[in-house]
């Protein structure tokens, strides 16, 4: 992390002066909007080294930094898209969207399409570390697990009706307890894919 004086606030980044050294830090728009020039701030940072650049990303909360790192564990999600998501949704809203399987909320982020949003939900469902985010509680929805599987199948190209039928059949034949738990979502998804592939 860095603790220092806000030397400048620019489009997409801030310059933090730490003992005479200015660090350019890319930050979510919400964080930049709450900062003031010449004020002293503590920014939780993540360093990204790529083939052609070294970029410092920063956040005013530990939870935002944690989600930024976790988002990049999803295949196809890099630091720029992760930052875009955290500029569009607060950590609490992001955790809620993943818990609810709300791909529409996620896909509002610039640079993230519907398929990318579905991938985030599928890969991070039940894995997000939201202990430091606040009072986020998954909304009670008797079929949220099944809905996640159906949306995942639709994102892979299957028709909604066929996906729903496959999920219902797999759950019934294998006696998966309903509502479908987060732990069972990957198992049902795998079996539903196998069932649909057989029916081609």
N, C-alpha and C. Protein backbone atom coordinates (compact mmCIF):
# COMPACT_ATOMS: atom_id res chain seq x y z
N UNK A 1 0.84 -1.18 0.00
CA UNK A 1 0.00 0.00 0.00
C UNK A 1 0.88 1.24 0.00
N UNK A 2 0.28 2.37 -0.35
CA UNK A 2 0.96 3.65 -0.34
C UNK A 2 0.20 4.62 0.56
N UNK A 3 0.93 5.39 1.36
CA UNK A 3 0.32 6.47 2.12
C UNK A 3 1.06 7.75 1.76
N UNK A 4 0.31 8.71 1.24
CA UNK A 4 0.96 9.95 0.82
C UNK A 4 -0.04 11.02 0.45
N UNK A 5 0.47 12.08 -0.20
CA UNK A 5 -0.35 13.23 -0.57
C UNK A 5 -0.85 13.07 -1.99
N UNK A 6 -2.11 13.41 -2.22
CA UNK A 6 -2.67 13.36 -3.56
C UNK A 6 -2.13 14.56 -4.34
N UNK A 7 -1.21 14.30 -5.24
CA UNK A 7 -0.58 15.37 -6.01
C UNK A 7 -1.45 15.79 -7.19
N UNK A 8 -2.14 14.81 -7.81
CA UNK A 8 -3.00 15.12 -8.96
C UNK A 8 -4.03 14.03 -9.15
N UNK A 9 -5.18 14.42 -9.67
CA UNK A 9 -6.23 13.46 -10.02
C UNK A 9 -6.52 13.65 -11.51
N UNK A 10 -6.29 12.60 -12.28
CA UNK A 10 -6.46 12.66 -13.72
C UNK A 10 -7.49 11.63 -14.17
N UNK A 11 -7.75 11.55 -15.45
CA UNK A 11 -8.73 10.61 -15.98
C UNK A 11 -8.25 9.17 -15.75
N UNK A 12 -8.91 8.47 -14.85
CA UNK A 12 -8.58 7.06 -14.62
C UNK A 12 -7.46 6.80 -13.64
N UNK A 13 -6.78 7.86 -13.17
CA UNK A 13 -5.66 7.61 -12.26
C UNK A 13 -5.42 8.80 -11.35
N UNK A 14 -4.63 8.56 -10.32
CA UNK A 14 -4.20 9.62 -9.41
C UNK A 14 -2.68 9.52 -9.25
N UNK A 15 -2.06 10.64 -8.93
CA UNK A 15 -0.63 10.65 -8.63
C UNK A 15 -0.48 10.86 -7.13
N UNK A 16 0.11 9.87 -6.47
CA UNK A 16 0.30 9.93 -5.02
C UNK A 16 1.76 10.23 -4.71
N UNK A 17 1.99 11.34 -4.02
CA UNK A 17 3.34 11.76 -3.65
C UNK A 17 3.72 11.12 -2.32
N UNK A 18 4.68 10.20 -2.36
CA UNK A 18 5.16 9.54 -1.15
C UNK A 18 6.61 9.96 -0.93
N UNK A 19 6.83 10.86 0.03
CA UNK A 19 8.19 11.34 0.35
C UNK A 19 8.91 11.86 -0.89
N UNK A 20 8.20 12.61 -1.72
CA UNK A 20 8.83 13.24 -2.89
C UNK A 20 8.84 12.40 -4.14
N UNK A 21 8.35 11.16 -4.06
CA UNK A 21 8.26 10.30 -5.24
C UNK A 21 6.79 10.18 -5.65
N UNK A 22 6.49 10.52 -6.90
CA UNK A 22 5.10 10.46 -7.37
C UNK A 22 4.78 9.13 -8.03
N UNK A 23 3.77 8.45 -7.52
CA UNK A 23 3.34 7.16 -8.09
C UNK A 23 2.01 7.35 -8.84
N UNK A 24 2.00 7.01 -10.13
CA UNK A 24 0.76 7.05 -10.88
C UNK A 24 -0.02 5.76 -10.59
N UNK A 25 -1.21 5.91 -10.06
CA UNK A 25 -2.01 4.75 -9.64
C UNK A 25 -3.35 4.77 -10.37
N UNK A 26 -3.65 3.70 -11.11
CA UNK A 26 -4.95 3.58 -11.77
C UNK A 26 -5.98 3.12 -10.74
N UNK A 27 -7.12 3.82 -10.70
CA UNK A 27 -8.10 3.55 -9.64
C UNK A 27 -9.53 3.57 -10.19
N UNK A 28 -10.48 2.93 -9.48
CA UNK A 28 -11.88 2.99 -9.89
C UNK A 28 -12.38 4.44 -9.84
N UNK A 29 -13.33 4.77 -10.72
CA UNK A 29 -13.85 6.13 -10.78
C UNK A 29 -14.46 6.56 -9.45
N UNK A 30 -15.10 5.63 -8.76
CA UNK A 30 -15.74 5.98 -7.48
C UNK A 30 -14.70 6.42 -6.45
N UNK A 31 -13.53 5.74 -6.44
CA UNK A 31 -12.47 6.12 -5.52
C UNK A 31 -11.87 7.47 -5.89
N UNK A 32 -11.65 7.67 -7.18
CA UNK A 32 -11.10 8.95 -7.65
C UNK A 32 -12.04 10.10 -7.31
N UNK A 33 -13.33 9.85 -7.43
CA UNK A 33 -14.32 10.89 -7.18
C UNK A 33 -14.39 11.32 -5.73
N UNK A 34 -13.96 10.44 -4.82
CA UNK A 34 -14.04 10.75 -3.39
C UNK A 34 -12.73 11.34 -2.85
N UNK A 35 -11.70 11.42 -3.72
CA UNK A 35 -10.41 11.95 -3.29
C UNK A 35 -10.30 13.44 -3.61
N UNK A 36 -9.47 14.14 -2.85
CA UNK A 36 -9.26 15.57 -3.06
C UNK A 36 -7.77 15.85 -3.18
N UNK A 37 -7.41 16.74 -4.09
CA UNK A 37 -6.00 17.11 -4.26
C UNK A 37 -5.44 17.68 -2.96
N UNK A 38 -4.20 17.35 -2.69
CA UNK A 38 -3.45 17.79 -1.51
C UNK A 38 -3.86 17.07 -0.22
N UNK A 39 -4.86 16.18 -0.28
CA UNK A 39 -5.23 15.43 0.92
C UNK A 39 -4.29 14.24 1.09
N UNK A 40 -4.23 13.70 2.29
CA UNK A 40 -3.40 12.53 2.56
C UNK A 40 -4.28 11.28 2.51
N UNK A 41 -3.84 10.29 1.74
CA UNK A 41 -4.64 9.07 1.58
C UNK A 41 -3.77 7.83 1.76
N UNK A 42 -4.43 6.72 2.07
CA UNK A 42 -3.79 5.42 2.06
C UNK A 42 -4.47 4.61 0.96
N UNK A 43 -3.67 4.13 0.01
CA UNK A 43 -4.20 3.39 -1.15
C UNK A 43 -3.64 1.97 -1.12
N UNK A 44 -4.53 0.99 -1.18
CA UNK A 44 -4.11 -0.42 -1.21
C UNK A 44 -3.82 -0.79 -2.66
N UNK A 45 -2.60 -1.23 -2.93
CA UNK A 45 -2.13 -1.34 -4.31
C UNK A 45 -1.91 -2.79 -4.78
N UNK A 46 -1.95 -2.93 -6.10
CA UNK A 46 -1.65 -4.20 -6.76
C UNK A 46 -0.82 -3.87 -8.00
N UNK A 47 0.35 -4.46 -8.09
CA UNK A 47 1.27 -4.18 -9.21
C UNK A 47 1.08 -5.20 -10.32
N UNK A 48 0.88 -4.70 -11.54
CA UNK A 48 0.72 -5.59 -12.70
C UNK A 48 1.87 -5.37 -13.67
N UNK A 49 2.57 -6.44 -13.97
CA UNK A 49 3.70 -6.37 -14.90
C UNK A 49 3.35 -7.16 -16.16
N UNK A 50 3.29 -6.47 -17.29
CA UNK A 50 3.01 -7.12 -18.56
C UNK A 50 4.22 -6.97 -19.47
N UNK A 51 4.07 -7.46 -20.70
CA UNK A 51 5.20 -7.45 -21.63
C UNK A 51 5.65 -6.03 -21.97
N UNK A 52 4.71 -5.08 -22.01
CA UNK A 52 5.08 -3.73 -22.44
C UNK A 52 4.83 -2.64 -21.40
N UNK A 53 4.42 -3.00 -20.19
CA UNK A 53 4.18 -1.95 -19.20
C UNK A 53 4.21 -2.50 -17.77
N UNK A 54 4.44 -1.59 -16.85
CA UNK A 54 4.33 -1.88 -15.42
C UNK A 54 3.29 -0.91 -14.87
N UNK A 55 2.19 -1.42 -14.38
CA UNK A 55 1.07 -0.58 -13.96
C UNK A 55 0.70 -0.83 -12.51
N UNK A 56 0.48 0.26 -11.79
CA UNK A 56 0.08 0.17 -10.39
C UNK A 56 -1.41 0.48 -10.28
N UNK A 57 -2.15 -0.46 -9.71
CA UNK A 57 -3.59 -0.28 -9.49
C UNK A 57 -3.82 -0.05 -8.00
N UNK A 58 -4.75 0.84 -7.69
CA UNK A 58 -4.96 1.16 -6.28
C UNK A 58 -6.43 1.29 -5.90
N UNK A 59 -6.71 1.09 -4.61
CA UNK A 59 -8.08 1.10 -4.10
C UNK A 59 -8.09 1.69 -2.70
N UNK A 60 -9.18 2.35 -2.36
CA UNK A 60 -9.30 2.96 -1.04
C UNK A 60 -9.74 1.95 0.03
N UNK A 61 -10.15 0.75 -0.40
CA UNK A 61 -10.55 -0.27 0.57
C UNK A 61 -9.87 -1.60 0.25
N UNK A 62 -9.63 -2.37 1.30
CA UNK A 62 -9.01 -3.69 1.12
C UNK A 62 -9.94 -4.62 0.34
N UNK A 63 -11.25 -4.47 0.56
CA UNK A 63 -12.20 -5.36 -0.11
C UNK A 63 -12.18 -5.15 -1.62
N UNK A 64 -12.03 -3.91 -2.06
CA UNK A 64 -11.96 -3.64 -3.51
C UNK A 64 -10.70 -4.27 -4.11
N UNK A 65 -9.58 -4.15 -3.40
CA UNK A 65 -8.34 -4.76 -3.87
C UNK A 65 -8.49 -6.28 -3.94
N UNK A 66 -9.11 -6.87 -2.91
CA UNK A 66 -9.31 -8.32 -2.88
C UNK A 66 -10.16 -8.78 -4.06
N UNK A 67 -11.25 -8.06 -4.35
CA UNK A 67 -12.11 -8.43 -5.48
C UNK A 67 -11.38 -8.24 -6.81
N UNK A 68 -10.57 -7.20 -6.90
CA UNK A 68 -9.78 -6.94 -8.12
C UNK A 68 -8.88 -8.14 -8.43
N UNK A 69 -8.23 -8.67 -7.40
CA UNK A 69 -7.35 -9.83 -7.58
C UNK A 69 -8.15 -11.08 -7.92
N UNK A 70 -9.28 -11.27 -7.23
CA UNK A 70 -10.10 -12.46 -7.47
C UNK A 70 -10.71 -12.46 -8.87
N UNK A 71 -11.11 -11.29 -9.36
CA UNK A 71 -11.69 -11.20 -10.70
C UNK A 71 -10.70 -11.66 -11.77
N UNK A 72 -9.42 -11.38 -11.55
CA UNK A 72 -8.40 -11.73 -12.54
C UNK A 72 -8.10 -13.23 -12.58
N UNK A 73 -8.64 -13.96 -11.60
CA UNK A 73 -8.48 -15.42 -11.62
C UNK A 73 -9.43 -16.07 -12.62
N UNK A 74 -10.41 -15.29 -13.08
CA UNK A 74 -11.34 -15.78 -14.10
C UNK A 74 -10.67 -15.68 -15.46
N UNK A 75 -10.69 -16.78 -16.22
CA UNK A 75 -10.02 -16.79 -17.52
C UNK A 75 -10.60 -15.71 -18.42
N UNK A 76 -9.72 -14.94 -19.03
CA UNK A 76 -10.15 -13.89 -19.95
C UNK A 76 -10.37 -12.53 -19.30
N UNK A 77 -10.27 -12.45 -17.97
CA UNK A 77 -10.46 -11.18 -17.28
C UNK A 77 -9.10 -10.64 -16.84
N UNK A 78 -8.70 -9.54 -17.46
CA UNK A 78 -7.43 -8.92 -17.12
C UNK A 78 -7.64 -7.74 -16.18
N UNK A 79 -6.56 -7.06 -15.82
CA UNK A 79 -6.67 -5.96 -14.85
C UNK A 79 -7.54 -4.80 -15.34
N UNK A 80 -7.50 -4.50 -16.63
CA UNK A 80 -8.30 -3.37 -17.13
C UNK A 80 -9.79 -3.65 -17.01
N UNK A 81 -10.20 -4.87 -17.38
CA UNK A 81 -11.62 -5.22 -17.28
C UNK A 81 -12.03 -5.30 -15.81
N UNK A 82 -11.15 -5.87 -14.97
CA UNK A 82 -11.45 -5.96 -13.54
C UNK A 82 -11.65 -4.56 -12.95
N UNK A 83 -10.81 -3.60 -13.36
CA UNK A 83 -10.94 -2.23 -12.87
C UNK A 83 -12.24 -1.60 -13.38
N UNK A 84 -12.59 -1.91 -14.63
CA UNK A 84 -13.84 -1.40 -15.21
C UNK A 84 -15.05 -1.89 -14.41
N UNK A 85 -15.01 -3.16 -14.01
CA UNK A 85 -16.12 -3.73 -13.23
C UNK A 85 -16.23 -3.01 -11.89
N UNK A 86 -15.08 -2.77 -11.24
CA UNK A 86 -15.10 -2.11 -9.93
C UNK A 86 -15.37 -0.61 -10.03
N UNK A 87 -15.29 -0.07 -11.25
CA UNK A 87 -15.69 1.33 -11.47
C UNK A 87 -17.19 1.42 -11.68
N UNK A 88 -17.80 0.30 -12.09
CA UNK A 88 -19.24 0.28 -12.36
C UNK A 88 -20.04 -0.18 -11.16
N UNK A 89 -19.51 -1.17 -10.43
CA UNK A 89 -20.21 -1.73 -9.27
C UNK A 89 -19.37 -1.56 -8.00
N UNK A 90 -20.02 -1.29 -6.89
CA UNK A 90 -19.31 -1.27 -5.61
C UNK A 90 -18.97 -2.71 -5.24
N UNK A 91 -18.01 -2.94 -4.33
CA UNK A 91 -17.72 -4.32 -3.91
C UNK A 91 -18.96 -5.06 -3.44
N UNK A 92 -19.83 -4.36 -2.71
CA UNK A 92 -21.05 -4.98 -2.20
C UNK A 92 -21.97 -5.38 -3.35
N UNK A 93 -22.12 -4.48 -4.33
CA UNK A 93 -22.98 -4.78 -5.49
C UNK A 93 -22.40 -5.91 -6.33
N UNK A 94 -21.08 -5.95 -6.47
CA UNK A 94 -20.44 -7.01 -7.24
C UNK A 94 -20.65 -8.36 -6.58
N UNK A 95 -20.41 -8.43 -5.29
CA UNK A 95 -20.60 -9.69 -4.55
C UNK A 95 -22.06 -10.14 -4.64
N UNK A 96 -22.99 -9.18 -4.55
CA UNK A 96 -24.40 -9.51 -4.62
C UNK A 96 -24.77 -10.04 -6.01
N UNK A 97 -24.22 -9.39 -7.05
CA UNK A 97 -24.51 -9.81 -8.42
C UNK A 97 -24.03 -11.24 -8.68
N UNK A 98 -22.84 -11.58 -8.16
CA UNK A 98 -22.32 -12.94 -8.32
C UNK A 98 -23.17 -13.93 -7.53
N UNK A 99 -23.54 -13.55 -6.30
CA UNK A 99 -24.35 -14.43 -5.46
C UNK A 99 -25.72 -14.68 -6.08
N UNK A 100 -26.26 -13.66 -6.74
CA UNK A 100 -27.60 -13.78 -7.34
C UNK A 100 -27.57 -14.32 -8.77
N UNK A 101 -26.37 -14.48 -9.34
CA UNK A 101 -26.29 -14.91 -10.73
C UNK A 101 -26.80 -13.84 -11.68
N UNK A 102 -26.61 -12.57 -11.30
CA UNK A 102 -27.14 -11.45 -12.08
C UNK A 102 -26.14 -11.00 -13.14
N UNK A 103 -26.17 -11.66 -14.29
CA UNK A 103 -25.23 -11.33 -15.36
C UNK A 103 -25.53 -9.97 -15.99
N UNK A 104 -26.78 -9.52 -15.92
CA UNK A 104 -27.16 -8.22 -16.49
C UNK A 104 -26.44 -7.09 -15.76
N UNK A 105 -26.40 -7.17 -14.43
CA UNK A 105 -25.72 -6.14 -13.65
C UNK A 105 -24.23 -6.12 -13.96
N UNK A 106 -23.63 -7.30 -14.06
CA UNK A 106 -22.20 -7.38 -14.35
C UNK A 106 -21.86 -6.87 -15.75
N UNK A 107 -22.70 -7.22 -16.72
CA UNK A 107 -22.39 -6.88 -18.12
C UNK A 107 -22.55 -5.40 -18.43
N UNK A 108 -22.99 -4.61 -17.46
CA UNK A 108 -23.04 -3.16 -17.67
C UNK A 108 -21.65 -2.54 -17.65
N UNK A 109 -20.68 -3.29 -17.18
CA UNK A 109 -19.30 -2.78 -17.12
C UNK A 109 -18.70 -2.70 -18.52
N UNK A 110 -18.15 -1.54 -18.91
CA UNK A 110 -17.51 -1.41 -20.23
C UNK A 110 -16.41 -2.46 -20.42
N UNK A 111 -16.42 -3.11 -21.56
CA UNK A 111 -15.39 -4.11 -21.85
C UNK A 111 -15.75 -5.51 -21.44
N UNK A 112 -16.89 -5.66 -20.74
CA UNK A 112 -17.31 -6.98 -20.29
C UNK A 112 -18.65 -7.33 -20.93
N UNK A 113 -18.66 -8.33 -21.79
CA UNK A 113 -19.89 -8.75 -22.45
C UNK A 113 -20.68 -9.73 -21.61
N UNK A 114 -21.79 -10.21 -22.18
CA UNK A 114 -22.66 -11.14 -21.48
C UNK A 114 -21.93 -12.44 -21.14
N UNK A 115 -21.14 -12.95 -22.10
CA UNK A 115 -20.43 -14.21 -21.86
C UNK A 115 -19.38 -14.06 -20.76
N UNK A 116 -18.71 -12.91 -20.75
CA UNK A 116 -17.72 -12.66 -19.70
C UNK A 116 -18.37 -12.60 -18.33
N UNK A 117 -19.56 -11.97 -18.29
CA UNK A 117 -20.30 -11.89 -17.02
C UNK A 117 -20.71 -13.28 -16.54
N UNK A 118 -21.16 -14.11 -17.48
CA UNK A 118 -21.56 -15.49 -17.13
C UNK A 118 -20.36 -16.27 -16.61
N UNK A 119 -19.22 -16.04 -17.22
CA UNK A 119 -18.00 -16.76 -16.82
C UNK A 119 -17.60 -16.37 -15.39
N UNK A 120 -17.73 -15.09 -15.06
CA UNK A 120 -17.41 -14.62 -13.71
C UNK A 120 -18.33 -15.29 -12.69
N UNK A 121 -19.62 -15.36 -13.01
CA UNK A 121 -20.59 -15.97 -12.10
C UNK A 121 -20.28 -17.45 -11.90
N UNK A 122 -20.01 -18.15 -13.00
CA UNK A 122 -19.74 -19.59 -12.92
C UNK A 122 -18.46 -19.91 -12.15
N UNK A 123 -17.42 -19.11 -12.39
CA UNK A 123 -16.12 -19.42 -11.79
C UNK A 123 -15.95 -18.87 -10.37
N UNK A 124 -16.69 -17.80 -10.03
CA UNK A 124 -16.51 -17.20 -8.70
C UNK A 124 -17.66 -17.46 -7.75
N UNK A 125 -18.71 -18.08 -8.24
CA UNK A 125 -19.85 -18.36 -7.36
C UNK A 125 -19.42 -19.24 -6.18
N UNK A 126 -19.66 -18.74 -4.98
CA UNK A 126 -19.28 -19.48 -3.78
C UNK A 126 -17.81 -19.35 -3.40
N UNK A 127 -17.03 -18.63 -4.22
CA UNK A 127 -15.60 -18.50 -3.95
C UNK A 127 -15.18 -17.10 -3.54
N UNK A 128 -16.07 -16.11 -3.74
CA UNK A 128 -15.70 -14.74 -3.44
C UNK A 128 -15.46 -14.56 -1.95
N UNK A 129 -14.35 -13.92 -1.63
CA UNK A 129 -14.07 -13.60 -0.24
C UNK A 129 -14.76 -12.28 0.08
N UNK A 130 -15.95 -12.37 0.64
CA UNK A 130 -16.71 -11.16 0.91
C UNK A 130 -16.77 -10.85 2.41
N UNK A 131 -15.87 -11.49 3.18
CA UNK A 131 -15.90 -11.32 4.64
C UNK A 131 -15.65 -9.88 5.05
N UNK A 132 -14.89 -9.14 4.22
CA UNK A 132 -14.57 -7.76 4.59
C UNK A 132 -15.40 -6.74 3.85
N UNK A 133 -16.40 -7.20 3.12
CA UNK A 133 -17.17 -6.28 2.29
C UNK A 133 -18.28 -5.59 3.07
N UNK A 134 -18.80 -6.25 4.07
CA UNK A 134 -19.87 -5.62 4.83
C UNK A 134 -20.97 -6.62 5.11
N UNK A 135 -22.19 -6.18 4.94
CA UNK A 135 -23.33 -7.01 5.32
C UNK A 135 -23.95 -7.72 4.14
N UNK A 136 -23.17 -7.93 3.08
CA UNK A 136 -23.74 -8.58 1.91
C UNK A 136 -24.27 -9.97 2.26
N UNK A 137 -25.49 -10.20 1.95
CA UNK A 137 -26.09 -11.51 2.15
C UNK A 137 -26.73 -11.94 0.84
N UNK A 138 -26.47 -13.16 0.37
CA UNK A 138 -27.11 -13.60 -0.87
C UNK A 138 -28.63 -13.53 -0.72
N UNK A 139 -29.27 -12.99 -1.74
CA UNK A 139 -30.72 -12.89 -1.71
C UNK A 139 -31.31 -14.29 -1.77
N UNK A 140 -32.29 -14.56 -0.92
CA UNK A 140 -32.88 -15.88 -0.91
C UNK A 140 -33.69 -16.09 -2.18
N UNK A 141 -33.33 -17.12 -2.89
CA UNK A 141 -34.00 -17.42 -4.15
C UNK A 141 -33.99 -18.94 -4.27
N UNK A 142 -35.17 -19.53 -4.27
CA UNK A 142 -35.24 -20.99 -4.18
C UNK A 142 -34.59 -21.68 -5.36
N UNK A 143 -34.41 -20.96 -6.45
CA UNK A 143 -33.85 -21.62 -7.63
C UNK A 143 -32.61 -20.91 -8.17
N UNK A 144 -31.91 -20.16 -7.30
CA UNK A 144 -30.76 -19.39 -7.78
C UNK A 144 -29.66 -20.29 -8.32
N UNK A 145 -29.43 -21.45 -7.67
CA UNK A 145 -28.39 -22.37 -8.15
C UNK A 145 -28.71 -22.92 -9.51
N UNK A 146 -29.96 -23.38 -9.69
CA UNK A 146 -30.38 -23.91 -10.99
C UNK A 146 -30.32 -22.82 -12.05
N UNK A 147 -30.68 -21.59 -11.65
CA UNK A 147 -30.67 -20.48 -12.62
C UNK A 147 -29.25 -20.20 -13.09
N UNK A 148 -28.28 -20.31 -12.18
CA UNK A 148 -26.88 -20.11 -12.57
C UNK A 148 -26.45 -21.13 -13.61
N UNK A 149 -26.86 -22.39 -13.41
CA UNK A 149 -26.50 -23.44 -14.37
C UNK A 149 -27.16 -23.17 -15.72
N UNK A 150 -28.43 -22.81 -15.69
CA UNK A 150 -29.16 -22.54 -16.94
C UNK A 150 -28.50 -21.38 -17.69
N UNK A 151 -28.19 -20.30 -16.97
CA UNK A 151 -27.56 -19.14 -17.62
C UNK A 151 -26.18 -19.50 -18.17
N UNK A 152 -25.48 -20.38 -17.45
CA UNK A 152 -24.18 -20.82 -17.93
C UNK A 152 -24.30 -21.60 -19.24
N UNK A 153 -25.31 -22.47 -19.32
CA UNK A 153 -25.54 -23.25 -20.54
C UNK A 153 -25.95 -22.35 -21.70
N UNK A 154 -26.79 -21.35 -21.40
CA UNK A 154 -27.23 -20.42 -22.44
C UNK A 154 -26.04 -19.63 -22.99
N UNK A 155 -25.13 -19.25 -22.08
CA UNK A 155 -23.94 -18.50 -22.51
C UNK A 155 -23.03 -19.34 -23.40
N UNK A 156 -23.16 -20.67 -23.28
CA UNK A 156 -22.35 -21.57 -24.11
C UNK A 156 -23.05 -21.93 -25.42
N UNK A 157 -24.24 -21.32 -25.64
CA UNK A 157 -24.89 -21.49 -26.93
C UNK A 157 -26.17 -22.31 -26.94
N UNK A 158 -26.56 -22.87 -25.79
CA UNK A 158 -27.77 -23.69 -25.76
C UNK A 158 -29.01 -22.83 -25.61
N UNK A 159 -30.14 -23.31 -26.11
CA UNK A 159 -31.41 -22.60 -25.99
C UNK A 159 -31.89 -22.67 -24.54
N UNK A 160 -32.55 -21.59 -24.09
CA UNK A 160 -33.05 -21.50 -22.71
C UNK A 160 -33.91 -22.72 -22.34
N UNK A 161 -34.85 -23.07 -23.22
CA UNK A 161 -35.78 -24.17 -22.94
C UNK A 161 -35.03 -25.49 -22.79
N UNK A 162 -34.09 -25.76 -23.71
CA UNK A 162 -33.31 -27.00 -23.65
C UNK A 162 -32.45 -27.05 -22.39
N UNK A 163 -31.87 -25.89 -22.03
CA UNK A 163 -31.02 -25.82 -20.84
C UNK A 163 -31.83 -26.12 -19.59
N UNK A 164 -33.03 -25.53 -19.50
CA UNK A 164 -33.88 -25.75 -18.32
C UNK A 164 -34.29 -27.21 -18.21
N UNK A 165 -34.64 -27.82 -19.34
CA UNK A 165 -35.03 -29.23 -19.33
C UNK A 165 -33.87 -30.12 -18.86
N UNK A 166 -32.68 -29.83 -19.37
CA UNK A 166 -31.50 -30.64 -19.01
C UNK A 166 -31.19 -30.52 -17.52
N UNK A 167 -31.25 -29.30 -16.99
CA UNK A 167 -30.97 -29.08 -15.57
C UNK A 167 -32.00 -29.81 -14.70
N UNK A 168 -33.28 -29.69 -15.06
CA UNK A 168 -34.33 -30.37 -14.29
C UNK A 168 -34.15 -31.88 -14.31
N UNK A 169 -33.79 -32.42 -15.48
CA UNK A 169 -33.62 -33.87 -15.61
C UNK A 169 -32.43 -34.36 -14.79
N UNK A 170 -31.32 -33.64 -14.86
CA UNK A 170 -30.12 -34.03 -14.12
C UNK A 170 -30.39 -34.00 -12.62
N UNK A 171 -31.05 -32.94 -12.15
CA UNK A 171 -31.33 -32.80 -10.71
C UNK A 171 -32.27 -33.91 -10.23
N UNK A 172 -33.25 -34.24 -11.06
CA UNK A 172 -34.23 -35.26 -10.67
C UNK A 172 -33.61 -36.65 -10.66
N UNK A 173 -32.87 -36.98 -11.71
CA UNK A 173 -32.30 -38.32 -11.84
C UNK A 173 -31.18 -38.60 -10.84
N UNK A 174 -30.50 -37.54 -10.40
CA UNK A 174 -29.36 -37.72 -9.49
C UNK A 174 -29.67 -37.30 -8.05
N UNK A 175 -30.94 -36.97 -7.82
CA UNK A 175 -31.40 -36.62 -6.47
C UNK A 175 -30.60 -35.48 -5.84
N UNK A 176 -30.28 -34.46 -6.64
CA UNK A 176 -29.63 -33.28 -6.06
C UNK A 176 -30.65 -32.55 -5.19
N UNK A 177 -30.28 -32.22 -3.94
CA UNK A 177 -31.22 -31.51 -3.06
C UNK A 177 -31.55 -30.12 -3.61
N UNK A 178 -32.83 -29.76 -3.52
CA UNK A 178 -33.27 -28.45 -3.98
C UNK A 178 -33.66 -27.59 -2.78
N UNK A 179 -33.41 -26.28 -2.82
CA UNK A 179 -32.78 -25.56 -3.91
C UNK A 179 -31.32 -25.99 -4.09
N UNK A 180 -30.85 -25.88 -5.29
CA UNK A 180 -29.50 -26.34 -5.63
C UNK A 180 -28.46 -25.52 -4.89
N UNK A 181 -27.56 -26.21 -4.18
CA UNK A 181 -26.53 -25.50 -3.43
C UNK A 181 -25.40 -25.06 -4.36
N UNK A 182 -24.63 -24.07 -3.90
CA UNK A 182 -23.52 -23.56 -4.71
C UNK A 182 -22.49 -24.65 -4.99
N UNK A 183 -22.33 -25.56 -4.03
CA UNK A 183 -21.35 -26.64 -4.20
C UNK A 183 -21.76 -27.59 -5.33
N UNK A 184 -23.08 -27.72 -5.56
CA UNK A 184 -23.56 -28.65 -6.58
C UNK A 184 -23.65 -28.03 -7.97
N UNK A 185 -23.55 -26.70 -8.05
CA UNK A 185 -23.68 -26.02 -9.35
C UNK A 185 -22.70 -26.57 -10.40
N UNK A 186 -21.39 -26.68 -10.09
CA UNK A 186 -20.45 -27.21 -11.10
C UNK A 186 -20.77 -28.65 -11.52
N UNK A 187 -21.23 -29.47 -10.56
CA UNK A 187 -21.55 -30.87 -10.87
C UNK A 187 -22.73 -30.95 -11.83
N UNK A 188 -23.78 -30.17 -11.54
CA UNK A 188 -24.97 -30.18 -12.39
C UNK A 188 -24.63 -29.62 -13.77
N UNK A 189 -23.83 -28.58 -13.80
CA UNK A 189 -23.43 -27.99 -15.09
C UNK A 189 -22.72 -29.02 -15.96
N UNK A 190 -21.79 -29.75 -15.37
CA UNK A 190 -21.03 -30.76 -16.11
C UNK A 190 -21.95 -31.86 -16.65
N UNK A 191 -22.85 -32.34 -15.78
CA UNK A 191 -23.75 -33.43 -16.21
C UNK A 191 -24.77 -32.95 -17.24
N UNK A 192 -25.24 -31.71 -17.09
CA UNK A 192 -26.19 -31.16 -18.05
C UNK A 192 -25.54 -30.99 -19.43
N UNK A 193 -24.28 -30.58 -19.43
CA UNK A 193 -23.54 -30.45 -20.69
C UNK A 193 -23.41 -31.81 -21.38
N UNK A 194 -23.09 -32.84 -20.59
CA UNK A 194 -22.97 -34.19 -21.14
C UNK A 194 -24.30 -34.64 -21.72
N UNK A 195 -25.38 -34.38 -21.01
CA UNK A 195 -26.72 -34.76 -21.46
C UNK A 195 -27.10 -34.05 -22.75
N UNK A 196 -26.81 -32.77 -22.82
CA UNK A 196 -27.15 -32.00 -24.03
C UNK A 196 -26.30 -32.41 -25.21
N UNK A 197 -25.01 -32.71 -24.96
CA UNK A 197 -24.13 -33.15 -26.04
C UNK A 197 -24.60 -34.49 -26.62
N UNK A 198 -25.10 -35.37 -25.75
CA UNK A 198 -25.61 -36.67 -26.22
C UNK A 198 -26.84 -36.50 -27.11
N UNK A 199 -27.61 -35.45 -26.84
CA UNK A 199 -28.84 -35.24 -27.59
C UNK A 199 -28.67 -34.52 -28.91
N UNK A 200 -27.44 -34.16 -29.24
CA UNK A 200 -27.20 -33.46 -30.51
C UNK A 200 -27.41 -34.36 -31.70
